[in-house]
Structure formats: C-alpha cells, structure tokens
C-alpha cells in the first residue's frame, strides 16, 4: 500500500511547492495589472520583474514534475483528467507560454507603448493561469472527472461552483504570496515606499483569501458534499485547522512587518489546504477508481520513486543555491559578479562522512524498495531514500557555496 501511495504523495508535495513558488510569480503579474499608471506603477512592475525574473523558469520545474509523476505512476487517471479537463489545462498552458514570452520580449521593447503591451499580456496571463489551474483542481475535487477518455462533460467539469471557488482562491493566494515576497524584497532594497505599498496589498489579499476559504465551505457543502464532510468532520479536518491557524499567523506577521515569517506561514497554509484535499478524497483518485486501482505496475512505481529521489539530490541543492543567491541580492549587482570558485565547489562537495552516509542510505534504500516484497521493507527503504537526499544535500552544502560567492569582491 505504501508503494502504491508514495508517487501520489510525492506529486502532492510538488503541487504544494508549485503553488507556493510559482504562485508568487503569478501574483507579481496580478499586482502589475493592478498597479495603474505613472512612475510609481512603473516601479511596481520593475520590482516584480527584478524579483521573479531570475527564478520563474525554476518555479515551473514543479509543474513538469507533477505532470510527469502522475502520468507515469497513474496513467489511466492522468488520461481521464487530461481529456475531460482539456480546456482549462490548455488555457493554463497558453498563459504559461505567454508569460515566458513576455519575460523574453520585455527587455527588447523599443518604445513605452510596446512595453505596456508586453506587460499587459504578462499580467493577464498571470491571472489566467492560476484561475484555469484552480478550475481544473475544482473539477477533480467535486468528482466531475469520471474514468475514461473525455468521459466527463467538457464544459461543466470546470465551469461549476467548486471550480470557480478554487480558481478565485488560487488567484487570491497568489496575490498574497507575491505581495509578501515583494514587500520583503523592497525592504532589502531599502525602498520603504514600495514596502508599504506591497504590505497594504498583502493584508487586503490575505483577508480576501481567508474570506474565500471560509465562505467556500458553504459552496462545498452544496456542490461537493462528500469533500465538505471529510474536511469538516473527517480525515481532512486536522489539515483544515492547520491551514486556518497558519493563515491567521501569516496575516499577523504581515501586519507586524515580519515578512519572512509571513512567507513561511503562508506557504504552510497553502500546503495544508492541499494536504486536506488529498486526505478528504483518499482513497479515491477519481469517482469509481481508487489510488490502488489507478496505480501502474510495481516495477514502474519503483522506477518512479527511485528517479524522483535521485533527481532530488541534484535539484534541491541547485534550487537552494539559486534562491540563496536571489535572497542575498546577488542578481542585483551592477558590476560583473565573480565566478564561483572551483576550489570552493570541490571543497563543499568533497567526500566525507555525510557523503558516505548518503551513498550507503541510497544503496540500502534502492535494495529494500526494489527487491524486497514486504511492506515494512518498503517503508524502511523509502525512509532511507529520503535520508539519501537529505544527507546528500548536507554533504554538498549549497548554502556554503552561496556564502562564498557573496564574499568574493565584485
């Protein structure tokens, strides 16, 4: 049972990371749309691009990861979802493409009119994408996606009260996350005017998101009652309580200008919502299909698990280094930055006790997960594979590389 559920749990972790990281990226586009005109509005738009430009592509890695894991580990369910929800998924893909093109075209604009056109396309697509993805999630959560190729209604599967609720909540959450992130970045850049502007909008967006979440329970009660029941009186209740507490904490931290605390509290609130949805829907994947019935053969599940864990050993240190450089303001230097010292890289990655422990955990985890048949062996094997990733990250120490790079003269 553990091996059957594990890829789905890994996909949900990726979905939470995508919502938190890419959500802030989408939200930056929302505030560009709401900034208005004038010099201050131009600075708001510039701040969004300066903060999100270096990481927007990395943020979308998680969407590709989620799609690949679900497609491979639960192919029949994935086909049912992709065919019935083809319209909102296509709209989301168009929005992502438009946003990527806008990042590339903005630097090549020759006039203010061209720049406004590009920025408008960027802002509209930043609202379209989370709205469409939220509508798709709402269709799955309200059990409007049956098993089979395009078996569900191609319109009402995503045009319904639950989809509208989840889509609106996604846009509000993205706006809140972005405002908090941009307020923190504005403080780092010593721009108190922008900091106050983003803080005020973070409070408004946070209250709006909280109101939608609370009021949305009435929508779920009438439109998706099985999900509502499990959230308020079943297995999803604990996650719902955690989400509410984290949301209140995030708003309080924003009020007191503790933006780093607000950032993590908001991320926890979003992750708890996703966990609550998953717990409330489990063990069903789709109506009439359990997670076990949707799962691929045993060997495929083992291969997916091993690939995800091995990929995590490369991905997490890289992302830690990227975000570390961003939060230290290294991408804002006007002078050419010094190259990362090779000696520092070799020193950080040198084999030691942590490296050997990571290798041993990986070998033992692969053996227990792929060869043994007992459930307890799979559990121990999965734990060892996660230990392999954690110890590997500690051995490589990407934060040390960022510190060494920051210490180099520019």
Protein backbone atom coordinates (compact mmCIF):
# COMPACT_ATOMS: atom_id res chain seq x y z
CA UNK A 1 0.00 0.00 0.00
CA UNK A 2 2.83 2.39 0.84
CA UNK A 3 4.49 2.00 -2.54
CA UNK A 4 1.16 2.49 -4.32
CA UNK A 5 0.50 5.76 -2.49
CA UNK A 6 4.05 7.12 -2.48
CA UNK A 7 4.20 8.63 -6.01
CA UNK A 8 0.92 10.42 -5.36
CA UNK A 9 2.28 11.82 -2.09
CA UNK A 10 5.41 12.97 -3.93
CA UNK A 11 3.26 14.59 -6.61
CA UNK A 12 1.24 16.44 -3.95
CA UNK A 13 4.46 17.75 -2.42
CA UNK A 14 5.41 19.04 -5.86
CA UNK A 15 1.97 20.60 -6.27
CA UNK A 16 2.37 22.43 -2.96
CA UNK A 17 5.82 23.70 -3.97
CA UNK A 18 4.50 24.81 -7.34
CA UNK A 19 1.60 26.65 -5.71
CA UNK A 20 3.88 28.45 -3.25
CA UNK A 21 6.79 29.27 -5.57
CA UNK A 22 5.10 29.78 -8.93
CA UNK A 23 2.13 31.27 -7.10
CA UNK A 24 4.26 34.21 -6.01
CA UNK A 25 5.38 34.57 -9.62
CA UNK A 26 1.77 34.67 -10.86
CA UNK A 27 0.85 37.09 -8.11
CA UNK A 28 3.55 39.51 -9.21
CA UNK A 29 1.76 39.72 -12.55
CA UNK A 30 -1.53 40.37 -10.74
CA UNK A 31 -0.05 43.41 -8.99
CA UNK A 32 1.37 44.66 -12.26
CA UNK A 33 -2.16 44.58 -13.65
CA UNK A 34 -3.47 46.46 -10.60
CA UNK A 35 -0.63 48.98 -10.38
CA UNK A 36 -2.22 51.58 -12.64
CA UNK A 37 -0.13 54.20 -14.44
CA UNK A 38 2.61 56.64 -13.58
CA UNK A 39 6.17 56.46 -12.23
CA UNK A 40 5.17 54.53 -9.11
CA UNK A 41 3.30 51.95 -11.18
CA UNK A 42 6.36 51.54 -13.40
CA UNK A 43 8.48 50.90 -10.30
CA UNK A 44 5.97 48.31 -9.09
CA UNK A 45 6.24 46.47 -12.41
CA UNK A 46 10.04 46.71 -12.38
CA UNK A 47 10.13 45.32 -8.84
CA UNK A 48 8.09 42.30 -9.89
CA UNK A 49 10.38 41.53 -12.79
CA UNK A 50 13.54 42.04 -10.74
CA UNK A 51 12.33 39.67 -8.03
CA UNK A 52 10.79 36.94 -10.18
CA UNK A 53 12.84 37.13 -13.37
CA UNK A 54 15.79 35.01 -12.12
CA UNK A 55 13.61 32.18 -10.77
CA UNK A 56 10.40 31.96 -12.81
CA UNK A 57 11.70 29.14 -15.00
CA UNK A 58 12.90 27.17 -11.97
CA UNK A 59 9.48 27.58 -10.35
CA UNK A 60 7.79 25.84 -13.27
CA UNK A 61 10.00 22.79 -12.84
CA UNK A 62 7.48 21.64 -10.23
CA UNK A 63 4.59 21.65 -12.69
CA UNK A 64 6.54 19.47 -15.10
CA UNK A 65 7.48 17.21 -12.20
CA UNK A 66 3.86 16.80 -11.06
CA UNK A 67 2.62 16.03 -14.58
CA UNK A 68 5.41 13.52 -15.21
CA UNK A 69 4.95 11.65 -11.93
CA UNK A 70 1.17 11.37 -12.25
CA UNK A 71 1.35 10.47 -15.94
CA UNK A 72 3.85 7.68 -15.28
CA UNK A 73 2.58 6.32 -11.97
CA UNK A 74 -1.19 6.67 -12.59
CA UNK A 75 -1.58 6.67 -16.40
CA UNK A 76 -5.29 5.88 -16.65
CA UNK A 77 -6.25 8.56 -14.15
CA UNK A 78 -3.97 11.06 -15.85
CA UNK A 79 -5.55 10.34 -19.24
CA UNK A 80 -9.02 10.82 -17.78
CA UNK A 81 -8.07 14.14 -16.21
CA UNK A 82 -6.21 15.49 -19.24
CA UNK A 83 -9.01 14.62 -21.66
CA UNK A 84 -12.01 15.80 -19.63
CA UNK A 85 -10.26 18.96 -18.40
CA UNK A 86 -8.60 19.71 -21.73
CA UNK A 87 -9.99 23.26 -21.95
CA UNK A 88 -8.72 24.68 -18.63
CA UNK A 89 -5.40 22.84 -18.95
CA UNK A 90 -4.95 24.26 -22.45
CA UNK A 91 -5.78 27.75 -21.16
CA UNK A 92 -3.22 27.35 -18.38
CA UNK A 93 -0.58 26.22 -20.89
CA UNK A 94 -1.29 29.25 -23.09
CA UNK A 95 -0.93 31.50 -20.04
CA UNK A 96 2.42 29.96 -19.08
CA UNK A 97 3.71 30.35 -22.65
CA UNK A 98 2.56 33.98 -22.80
CA UNK A 99 4.29 34.75 -19.51
CA UNK A 100 7.53 33.16 -20.65
CA UNK A 101 7.43 35.09 -23.92
CA UNK A 102 6.74 38.31 -22.00
CA UNK A 103 9.86 37.87 -19.89
CA UNK A 104 11.91 37.49 -23.07
CA UNK A 105 10.23 40.29 -25.03
CA UNK A 106 10.19 42.92 -22.29
CA UNK A 107 13.93 43.56 -22.49
CA UNK A 108 13.71 44.04 -26.27
CA UNK A 109 10.92 46.61 -26.38
CA UNK A 110 11.81 49.80 -28.27
CA UNK A 111 9.06 52.10 -27.01
CA UNK A 112 6.89 52.66 -23.98
CA UNK A 113 3.84 51.51 -25.96
CA UNK A 114 5.49 48.18 -26.80
CA UNK A 115 6.49 47.74 -23.17
CA UNK A 116 2.91 48.36 -21.99
CA UNK A 117 1.61 45.81 -24.50
CA UNK A 118 4.05 43.18 -23.27
CA UNK A 119 3.33 43.97 -19.62
CA UNK A 120 -0.43 43.78 -20.20
CA UNK A 121 -0.08 40.36 -21.82
CA UNK A 122 2.11 39.27 -18.92
CA UNK A 123 -0.37 40.48 -16.31
CA UNK A 124 -3.43 38.95 -17.98
CA UNK A 125 -1.72 35.58 -18.40
CA UNK A 126 -0.63 35.74 -14.74
CA UNK A 127 -4.28 35.81 -13.71
CA UNK A 128 -5.48 33.36 -16.38
CA UNK A 129 -3.06 30.58 -15.43
CA UNK A 130 -3.88 30.13 -11.70
CA UNK A 131 -7.57 30.67 -12.46
CA UNK A 132 -7.54 27.87 -15.05
CA UNK A 133 -5.46 25.51 -12.94
CA UNK A 134 -7.72 26.15 -9.95
CA UNK A 135 -10.77 25.39 -12.08
CA UNK A 136 -9.20 22.08 -13.10
CA UNK A 137 -8.48 21.16 -9.48
CA UNK A 138 -12.04 22.10 -8.58
CA UNK A 139 -13.35 19.71 -11.21
CA UNK A 140 -11.35 16.84 -9.72
CA UNK A 141 -12.28 17.76 -6.13
CA UNK A 142 -16.01 17.91 -6.94
CA UNK A 143 -15.82 14.50 -8.62
CA UNK A 144 -16.78 15.74 -12.07
CA UNK A 145 -13.96 13.85 -13.80
CA UNK A 146 -15.02 10.23 -14.37
CA UNK A 147 -12.71 7.46 -15.52
CA UNK A 148 -12.30 7.21 -19.28
CA UNK A 149 -11.16 9.21 -22.28
CA UNK A 150 -13.12 12.51 -22.25
CA UNK A 151 -15.98 10.74 -20.46
CA UNK A 152 -16.84 13.80 -18.35
CA UNK A 153 -18.58 16.92 -19.63
CA UNK A 154 -16.01 19.14 -21.33
CA UNK A 155 -17.65 22.33 -20.03
CA UNK A 156 -19.39 21.71 -16.71
CA UNK A 157 -16.41 19.70 -15.43
CA UNK A 158 -14.60 23.01 -14.90
CA UNK A 159 -17.41 25.58 -15.10
CA UNK A 160 -19.11 24.90 -11.79
CA UNK A 161 -19.29 26.47 -8.30
CA UNK A 162 -16.41 24.47 -6.83
CA UNK A 163 -14.12 25.24 -9.76
CA UNK A 164 -15.00 28.92 -9.54
CA UNK A 165 -14.21 28.88 -5.82
CA UNK A 166 -10.87 27.13 -6.18
CA UNK A 167 -9.87 29.32 -9.12
CA UNK A 168 -10.67 32.53 -7.24
CA UNK A 169 -8.88 31.21 -4.13
CA UNK A 170 -5.81 30.40 -6.24
CA UNK A 171 -5.67 33.94 -7.64
CA UNK A 172 -6.11 35.49 -4.17
CA UNK A 173 -3.46 33.24 -2.62
CA UNK A 174 -1.02 34.04 -5.43
CA UNK A 175 -1.62 37.77 -4.96
CA UNK A 176 -0.99 37.47 -1.21
CA UNK A 177 2.18 35.43 -1.59
CA UNK A 178 3.58 37.83 -4.18
CA UNK A 179 2.79 40.91 -2.10
CA UNK A 180 4.57 39.44 0.93
CA UNK A 181 7.60 38.40 -1.12
CA UNK A 182 7.83 41.75 -2.88
CA UNK A 183 7.46 43.66 0.40
CA UNK A 184 10.39 41.69 1.80
CA UNK A 185 12.45 42.35 -1.33
CA UNK A 186 11.59 46.06 -1.19
CA UNK A 187 12.84 46.20 2.39
CA UNK A 188 16.09 44.53 1.31
CA UNK A 189 16.50 47.14 -1.44
CA UNK A 190 15.77 49.98 1.06
CA UNK A 191 12.62 51.15 -0.74
CA UNK A 192 10.18 51.95 2.09
CA UNK A 193 7.54 53.36 -0.26
CA UNK A 194 7.27 50.11 -2.20
CA UNK A 195 7.47 48.08 1.00
CA UNK A 196 4.43 49.87 2.43
CA UNK A 197 2.55 49.61 -0.88
CA UNK A 198 3.04 45.84 -1.09
CA UNK A 199 2.37 45.35 2.64
CA UNK A 200 -1.01 47.06 2.40
CA UNK A 201 -2.00 44.93 -0.56
CA UNK A 202 -0.74 41.79 1.14
CA UNK A 203 -3.11 42.45 4.02
CA UNK A 204 -6.05 43.01 1.65
CA UNK A 205 -5.24 39.91 -0.41
CA UNK A 206 -4.70 37.80 2.71
CA UNK A 207 -8.08 38.79 4.15
CA UNK A 208 -9.71 38.12 0.77
CA UNK A 209 -8.11 34.67 0.54
CA UNK A 210 -9.16 33.83 4.09
CA UNK A 211 -12.71 35.01 3.44
CA UNK A 212 -12.91 32.93 0.28
CA UNK A 213 -11.63 29.87 2.12
CA UNK A 214 -14.14 30.21 4.95
CA UNK A 215 -17.08 31.18 2.75
CA UNK A 216 -16.12 28.49 0.30
CA UNK A 217 -17.11 25.81 2.80
CA UNK A 218 -20.75 26.74 2.09
CA UNK A 219 -20.08 26.23 -1.62
CA UNK A 220 -18.53 22.84 -0.98
CA UNK A 221 -21.44 21.84 1.23
CA UNK A 222 -23.92 22.32 -1.60
CA UNK A 223 -21.77 21.44 -4.61
CA UNK A 224 -19.23 18.88 -3.33
CA UNK A 225 -20.75 17.49 -0.15
CA UNK A 226 -18.52 14.37 0.19
CA UNK A 227 -15.44 16.60 0.15
CA UNK A 228 -17.06 19.06 2.56
CA UNK A 229 -17.95 16.31 5.01
CA UNK A 230 -14.44 14.89 5.07
CA UNK A 231 -12.95 18.36 5.54
CA UNK A 232 -15.11 19.40 8.50
CA UNK A 233 -15.69 16.05 10.19
CA UNK A 234 -13.33 13.53 8.63
CA UNK A 235 -9.70 12.93 7.80
CA UNK A 236 -9.12 16.40 6.36
CA UNK A 237 -10.16 18.31 9.49
CA UNK A 238 -6.68 18.44 11.04
CA UNK A 239 -5.20 19.91 7.87
CA UNK A 240 -8.04 22.45 7.71
CA UNK A 241 -7.27 23.60 11.25
CA UNK A 242 -3.55 23.89 10.48
CA UNK A 243 -4.30 25.91 7.36
CA UNK A 244 -6.56 28.31 9.26
CA UNK A 245 -4.02 28.79 12.06
CA UNK A 246 -1.16 29.33 9.61
CA UNK A 247 -3.25 31.78 7.61
CA UNK A 248 -4.02 33.87 10.70
CA UNK A 249 -0.35 33.73 11.68
CA UNK A 250 0.69 34.87 8.21
CA UNK A 251 -1.63 37.87 8.39
CA UNK A 252 -0.35 38.80 11.85
CA UNK A 253 3.25 38.55 10.69
CA UNK A 254 2.45 40.73 7.69
CA UNK A 255 0.85 43.33 9.95
CA UNK A 256 3.97 43.42 12.11
CA UNK A 257 6.21 43.53 9.02
CA UNK A 258 7.77 40.15 9.78
CA UNK A 259 7.74 39.25 6.11
CA UNK A 260 9.99 36.19 6.35
CA UNK A 261 7.71 34.67 8.98
CA UNK A 262 4.68 35.58 6.87
CA UNK A 263 6.25 33.91 3.85
CA UNK A 264 6.67 30.57 5.59
CA UNK A 265 3.32 30.75 7.39
CA UNK A 266 1.53 31.42 4.11
CA UNK A 267 3.37 28.52 2.49
CA UNK A 268 2.26 26.25 5.34
CA UNK A 269 -1.36 27.42 4.94
CA UNK A 270 -1.30 26.57 1.22
CA UNK A 271 0.39 23.20 1.78
CA UNK A 272 -2.19 22.32 4.46
CA UNK A 273 -5.05 23.06 2.05
CA UNK A 274 -3.57 20.66 -0.49
CA UNK A 275 -2.99 18.04 2.20
CA UNK A 276 -6.56 18.44 3.44
CA UNK A 277 -7.94 17.96 -0.06
CA UNK A 278 -5.86 14.82 -0.54
CA UNK A 279 -6.84 13.35 2.83
CA UNK A 280 -10.52 14.16 2.28
CA UNK A 281 -10.55 12.47 -1.12
CA UNK A 282 -8.43 9.43 -0.21
CA UNK A 283 -8.59 6.55 -1.08
CA UNK A 284 -10.42 7.68 -4.23
CA UNK A 285 -8.41 9.08 -7.08
CA UNK A 286 -11.40 9.59 -9.37
CA UNK A 287 -15.04 8.50 -8.94
CA UNK A 288 -15.09 4.72 -9.08
CA UNK A 289 -11.28 4.44 -9.10
CA UNK A 290 -9.12 4.13 -6.00
CA UNK A 291 -5.46 5.07 -5.84
CA UNK A 292 -4.54 1.37 -5.89
CA UNK A 293 -6.66 0.76 -9.00
CA UNK A 294 -5.13 3.76 -10.75
CA UNK A 295 -1.53 2.80 -9.99
CA UNK A 296 0.88 1.47 -12.58
CA UNK A 297 2.61 -1.92 -12.13
CA UNK A 298 5.01 -2.44 -9.21
CA UNK A 299 8.19 -2.07 -11.28
CA UNK A 300 7.02 1.26 -12.69
CA UNK A 301 6.25 2.59 -9.21
CA UNK A 302 9.70 1.56 -8.01
CA UNK A 303 11.33 3.25 -11.01
CA UNK A 304 9.36 6.45 -10.46
CA UNK A 305 10.26 6.56 -6.76
CA UNK A 306 13.94 5.96 -7.41
CA UNK A 307 14.01 8.56 -10.21
CA UNK A 308 12.34 11.19 -8.03
CA UNK A 309 14.70 10.60 -5.11
CA UNK A 310 17.78 10.58 -7.33
CA UNK A 311 16.61 13.70 -9.11
CA UNK A 312 16.02 15.40 -5.78
CA UNK A 313 19.70 15.00 -4.92
CA UNK A 314 20.51 17.21 -7.91
CA UNK A 315 17.51 19.51 -7.82
CA UNK A 316 17.33 20.60 -4.19
CA UNK A 317 20.97 21.78 -3.87
CA UNK A 318 20.61 23.65 -7.17
CA UNK A 319 17.42 25.38 -6.08
CA UNK A 320 18.89 26.14 -2.67
CA UNK A 321 21.87 27.82 -4.34
CA UNK A 322 19.62 29.75 -6.77
CA UNK A 323 17.24 31.07 -4.12
CA UNK A 324 20.14 31.77 -1.75
CA UNK A 325 21.77 33.99 -4.36
CA UNK A 326 18.45 35.70 -5.07
CA UNK A 327 17.65 36.43 -1.41
CA UNK A 328 21.16 37.81 -0.90
CA UNK A 329 20.63 40.24 -3.79
CA UNK A 330 23.42 38.78 -5.91
CA UNK A 331 21.37 39.16 -9.10
CA UNK A 332 21.01 42.89 -8.47
CA UNK A 333 24.74 43.72 -8.65
CA UNK A 334 25.64 46.14 -11.41
CA UNK A 335 29.26 45.03 -11.61
CA UNK A 336 30.13 41.62 -13.06
CA UNK A 337 29.93 39.04 -10.31
CA UNK A 338 32.95 36.91 -9.61
CA UNK A 339 32.74 33.37 -10.85
CA UNK A 340 32.07 30.64 -8.34
CA UNK A 341 35.48 29.47 -7.13
CA UNK A 342 36.30 25.96 -8.28
CA UNK A 343 38.20 25.32 -5.07
CA UNK A 344 35.09 26.17 -3.04
CA UNK A 345 32.95 23.87 -5.13
CA UNK A 346 35.36 20.98 -4.76
CA UNK A 347 35.72 21.63 -1.06
CA UNK A 348 31.96 21.69 -0.50
CA UNK A 349 31.41 18.51 -2.49
CA UNK A 350 34.41 16.59 -1.11
CA UNK A 351 33.56 13.10 0.05
CA UNK A 352 33.29 12.86 3.80
CA UNK A 353 31.25 11.22 6.46
CA UNK A 354 27.99 12.74 5.21
CA UNK A 355 28.75 11.74 1.64
CA UNK A 356 29.47 8.15 2.59
CA UNK A 357 26.35 8.02 4.76
CA UNK A 358 24.31 9.34 1.83
CA UNK A 359 25.74 6.70 -0.51
CA UNK A 360 25.06 3.91 1.99
CA UNK A 361 21.48 5.13 2.52
CA UNK A 362 20.88 5.27 -1.21
CA UNK A 363 22.17 1.76 -1.86
CA UNK A 364 20.24 0.26 1.04
CA UNK A 365 17.08 2.18 0.09
CA UNK A 366 17.22 1.00 -3.51
CA UNK A 367 17.69 -2.57 -2.38
CA UNK A 368 14.82 -2.60 0.10
CA UNK A 369 12.45 -0.72 -2.20
CA UNK A 370 13.17 -2.53 -5.43
CA UNK A 371 13.99 -6.07 -4.34
CA UNK A 372 12.10 -6.80 -1.12
CA UNK A 373 8.38 -7.60 -1.15
CA UNK A 374 7.40 -6.98 2.48
CA UNK A 375 5.55 -3.79 3.34
CA UNK A 376 7.86 -2.98 6.25
CA UNK A 377 10.86 -3.27 3.92
CA UNK A 378 9.30 -0.79 1.51
CA UNK A 379 8.71 1.61 4.39
CA UNK A 380 12.31 1.38 5.58
CA UNK A 381 13.56 1.64 2.00
CA UNK A 382 11.60 4.81 1.33
CA UNK A 383 12.86 6.33 4.60
CA UNK A 384 16.44 5.52 3.56
CA UNK A 385 15.91 7.10 0.14
CA UNK A 386 14.73 10.31 1.76
CA UNK A 387 17.75 10.11 4.08
CA UNK A 388 19.88 9.76 0.94
CA UNK A 389 18.54 13.10 -0.36
CA UNK A 390 18.86 14.89 2.99
CA UNK A 391 22.39 13.67 3.68
CA UNK A 392 23.42 14.40 0.10
CA UNK A 393 22.23 17.99 0.39
CA UNK A 394 24.12 18.38 3.68
CA UNK A 395 27.23 16.96 2.07
CA UNK A 396 27.12 19.34 -0.90
CA UNK A 397 26.17 22.36 1.28
CA UNK A 398 24.79 24.69 -1.43
CA UNK A 399 24.28 27.49 1.10
CA UNK A 400 28.02 27.46 1.73
CA UNK A 401 28.62 28.00 -1.98
CA UNK A 402 26.28 30.99 -1.93
CA UNK A 403 28.12 32.46 1.08
CA UNK A 404 31.49 32.00 -0.62
CA UNK A 405 30.18 33.65 -3.77
CA UNK A 406 28.80 36.58 -1.77
CA UNK A 407 32.18 37.02 -0.08
CA UNK A 408 34.02 37.43 -3.43
CA UNK A 409 34.79 41.03 -4.49
CA UNK A 410 32.54 42.19 -7.34
